[in-house]
């Protein structure tokens, strides 16, 4: 779970893909490492109920597009 991809400092758009300049470069961002500056990123969980509503919205838009 302690991988660069789960860290607050991970950013694919910056050098070494890490915003924290004190951290040593990590070659494999998807594997576990022992970075002392690691902090879990907080992400919003999207549950099944919201995914269902997105599906229904997409289906409605498709029906409108294909209807005569």
N, C-alpha and C. Protein backbone atom coordinates (compact mmCIF):
# COMPACT_ATOMS: atom_id res chain seq x y z
N UNK A 1 0.81 -1.19 0.00
CA UNK A 1 0.00 0.00 0.00
C UNK A 1 0.86 1.26 0.00
N UNK A 2 2.07 1.16 0.49
CA UNK A 2 2.96 2.32 0.48
C UNK A 2 3.70 2.35 -0.84
N UNK A 3 3.00 2.78 -1.88
CA UNK A 3 3.59 2.95 -3.20
C UNK A 3 3.42 4.40 -3.61
N UNK A 4 4.26 4.85 -4.50
CA UNK A 4 4.23 6.25 -4.92
C UNK A 4 2.86 6.66 -5.49
N UNK A 5 2.19 5.73 -6.16
CA UNK A 5 0.91 6.06 -6.77
C UNK A 5 -0.16 6.40 -5.73
N UNK A 6 0.03 6.00 -4.47
CA UNK A 6 -0.92 6.30 -3.39
C UNK A 6 -0.47 7.48 -2.54
N UNK A 7 0.53 8.20 -2.96
CA UNK A 7 1.10 9.29 -2.16
C UNK A 7 0.55 10.65 -2.61
N UNK A 8 0.45 11.56 -1.66
CA UNK A 8 0.01 12.93 -1.94
C UNK A 8 0.97 13.62 -2.88
N UNK A 9 2.23 13.33 -2.78
CA UNK A 9 3.26 14.02 -3.56
C UNK A 9 3.41 13.48 -4.98
N UNK A 10 2.78 12.37 -5.32
CA UNK A 10 2.91 11.80 -6.66
C UNK A 10 2.24 12.71 -7.68
N UNK A 11 2.96 13.03 -8.73
CA UNK A 11 2.44 13.85 -9.82
C UNK A 11 3.20 13.48 -11.09
N UNK A 12 2.52 12.92 -12.05
CA UNK A 12 3.16 12.45 -13.27
C UNK A 12 3.69 13.59 -14.13
N UNK A 13 3.30 14.83 -13.83
CA UNK A 13 3.70 15.97 -14.66
C UNK A 13 4.99 16.65 -14.21
N UNK A 14 5.56 16.23 -13.09
CA UNK A 14 6.79 16.88 -12.60
C UNK A 14 7.98 15.93 -12.72
N UNK A 15 9.18 16.46 -12.56
CA UNK A 15 10.39 15.66 -12.65
C UNK A 15 10.39 14.58 -11.57
N UNK A 16 10.84 13.40 -11.92
CA UNK A 16 10.88 12.24 -11.03
C UNK A 16 9.49 11.84 -10.53
N UNK A 17 8.43 12.45 -11.07
CA UNK A 17 7.04 12.17 -10.72
C UNK A 17 6.75 12.34 -9.23
N UNK A 18 7.45 13.25 -8.58
CA UNK A 18 7.26 13.50 -7.15
C UNK A 18 7.42 14.99 -6.88
N UNK A 19 6.43 15.58 -6.20
CA UNK A 19 6.49 17.00 -5.88
C UNK A 19 7.38 17.30 -4.68
N UNK A 20 7.69 16.29 -3.88
CA UNK A 20 8.53 16.48 -2.70
C UNK A 20 10.00 16.38 -3.12
N UNK A 21 10.71 17.48 -3.10
CA UNK A 21 12.09 17.53 -3.56
C UNK A 21 13.07 16.86 -2.61
N UNK A 22 12.67 16.62 -1.37
CA UNK A 22 13.57 15.98 -0.40
C UNK A 22 13.65 14.48 -0.59
N UNK A 23 12.64 13.89 -1.19
CA UNK A 23 12.58 12.43 -1.35
C UNK A 23 13.58 11.94 -2.40
N UNK A 24 14.13 10.77 -2.15
CA UNK A 24 15.03 10.15 -3.11
C UNK A 24 14.21 9.59 -4.26
N UNK A 25 14.74 9.62 -5.48
CA UNK A 25 14.00 9.10 -6.63
C UNK A 25 13.71 7.61 -6.50
N UNK A 26 12.50 7.22 -6.89
CA UNK A 26 12.08 5.82 -6.87
C UNK A 26 11.85 5.40 -8.31
N UNK A 27 12.48 4.33 -8.73
CA UNK A 27 12.39 3.89 -10.13
C UNK A 27 11.03 3.26 -10.44
N UNK A 28 10.53 2.41 -9.56
CA UNK A 28 9.29 1.69 -9.81
C UNK A 28 8.19 2.27 -8.92
N UNK A 29 7.38 3.16 -9.47
CA UNK A 29 6.36 3.88 -8.71
C UNK A 29 5.20 2.98 -8.28
N UNK A 30 5.03 1.85 -8.93
CA UNK A 30 3.92 0.95 -8.62
C UNK A 30 4.28 -0.13 -7.60
N UNK A 31 5.53 -0.15 -7.11
CA UNK A 31 5.96 -1.15 -6.13
C UNK A 31 6.20 -0.50 -4.78
N UNK A 32 6.12 -1.29 -3.75
CA UNK A 32 6.31 -0.79 -2.39
C UNK A 32 7.70 -0.21 -2.20
N UNK A 33 7.77 0.87 -1.40
CA UNK A 33 9.04 1.49 -1.09
C UNK A 33 8.99 2.06 0.32
N UNK A 34 10.08 2.58 0.79
CA UNK A 34 10.18 3.05 2.17
C UNK A 34 10.48 4.55 2.22
N UNK A 35 9.79 5.33 1.42
CA UNK A 35 9.99 6.77 1.41
C UNK A 35 9.52 7.34 2.75
N UNK A 36 10.36 8.12 3.40
CA UNK A 36 10.02 8.67 4.71
C UNK A 36 9.05 9.84 4.62
N UNK A 37 8.79 10.36 3.41
CA UNK A 37 7.88 11.49 3.23
C UNK A 37 6.52 11.05 2.70
N UNK A 38 6.28 9.73 2.68
CA UNK A 38 5.03 9.18 2.17
C UNK A 38 3.85 9.62 3.02
N UNK A 39 2.77 10.04 2.34
CA UNK A 39 1.51 10.37 3.01
C UNK A 39 0.38 9.94 2.07
N UNK A 40 -0.57 9.17 2.60
CA UNK A 40 -1.66 8.66 1.76
C UNK A 40 -2.46 9.81 1.16
N UNK A 41 -2.80 9.65 -0.11
CA UNK A 41 -3.67 10.62 -0.77
C UNK A 41 -5.11 10.30 -0.38
N UNK A 42 -5.91 11.34 -0.21
CA UNK A 42 -7.32 11.15 0.12
C UNK A 42 -8.14 11.34 -1.14
N UNK A 43 -8.82 10.26 -1.53
CA UNK A 43 -9.63 10.28 -2.74
C UNK A 43 -11.09 10.04 -2.38
N UNK A 44 -11.96 10.57 -3.19
CA UNK A 44 -13.39 10.37 -2.97
C UNK A 44 -13.78 9.01 -3.53
N UNK A 45 -14.46 8.21 -2.71
CA UNK A 45 -14.90 6.89 -3.14
C UNK A 45 -16.18 7.02 -3.94
N UNK A 46 -16.22 6.40 -5.10
CA UNK A 46 -17.43 6.40 -5.93
C UNK A 46 -18.04 5.01 -5.82
N UNK A 47 -19.16 4.93 -5.15
CA UNK A 47 -19.82 3.66 -4.90
C UNK A 47 -20.64 3.17 -6.07
N UNK A 48 -21.22 2.01 -5.92
CA UNK A 48 -22.01 1.39 -6.99
C UNK A 48 -23.27 2.18 -7.32
N UNK A 49 -23.86 2.84 -6.32
CA UNK A 49 -25.09 3.59 -6.59
C UNK A 49 -24.86 4.77 -7.51
N UNK A 50 -23.74 5.45 -7.38
CA UNK A 50 -23.46 6.56 -8.28
C UNK A 50 -23.05 6.05 -9.66
N UNK A 51 -22.41 4.89 -9.72
CA UNK A 51 -22.04 4.31 -11.01
C UNK A 51 -23.28 3.92 -11.78
N UNK A 52 -24.32 3.44 -11.07
CA UNK A 52 -25.59 3.08 -11.71
C UNK A 52 -26.27 4.29 -12.31
N UNK A 53 -26.23 5.41 -11.62
CA UNK A 53 -26.86 6.62 -12.14
C UNK A 53 -26.10 7.13 -13.36
N UNK A 54 -24.79 7.00 -13.36
CA UNK A 54 -23.99 7.39 -14.53
C UNK A 54 -24.34 6.52 -15.72
N UNK A 55 -24.57 5.23 -15.44
CA UNK A 55 -24.93 4.31 -16.51
C UNK A 55 -26.29 4.68 -17.09
N UNK A 56 -27.25 4.99 -16.22
CA UNK A 56 -28.58 5.36 -16.67
C UNK A 56 -28.54 6.64 -17.50
N UNK A 57 -27.76 7.61 -17.08
CA UNK A 57 -27.62 8.86 -17.81
C UNK A 57 -27.02 8.60 -19.20
N UNK A 58 -26.01 7.77 -19.25
CA UNK A 58 -25.38 7.45 -20.53
C UNK A 58 -26.36 6.73 -21.46
N UNK A 59 -27.14 5.82 -20.91
CA UNK A 59 -28.13 5.11 -21.73
C UNK A 59 -29.19 6.07 -22.27
N UNK A 60 -29.65 6.99 -21.44
CA UNK A 60 -30.64 7.97 -21.88
C UNK A 60 -30.09 8.84 -23.01
N UNK A 61 -28.84 9.27 -22.87
CA UNK A 61 -28.23 10.10 -23.91
C UNK A 61 -28.08 9.32 -25.21
N UNK A 62 -27.75 8.04 -25.11
CA UNK A 62 -27.63 7.21 -26.29
C UNK A 62 -28.98 7.04 -26.98
N UNK A 63 -30.04 6.81 -26.19
CA UNK A 63 -31.38 6.67 -26.76
C UNK A 63 -31.79 7.95 -27.49
N UNK A 64 -31.50 9.09 -26.89
CA UNK A 64 -31.84 10.38 -27.52
C UNK A 64 -31.08 10.54 -28.83
N UNK A 65 -29.83 10.14 -28.84
CA UNK A 65 -29.00 10.27 -30.02
C UNK A 65 -29.49 9.39 -31.16
N UNK A 66 -29.90 8.17 -30.85
CA UNK A 66 -30.28 7.21 -31.87
C UNK A 66 -31.76 7.25 -32.24
N UNK A 67 -32.58 7.97 -31.51
CA UNK A 67 -34.01 8.00 -31.81
C UNK A 67 -34.28 8.88 -33.03
N UNK A 68 -35.37 8.58 -33.72
CA UNK A 68 -35.73 9.34 -34.93
C UNK A 68 -36.62 10.51 -34.59
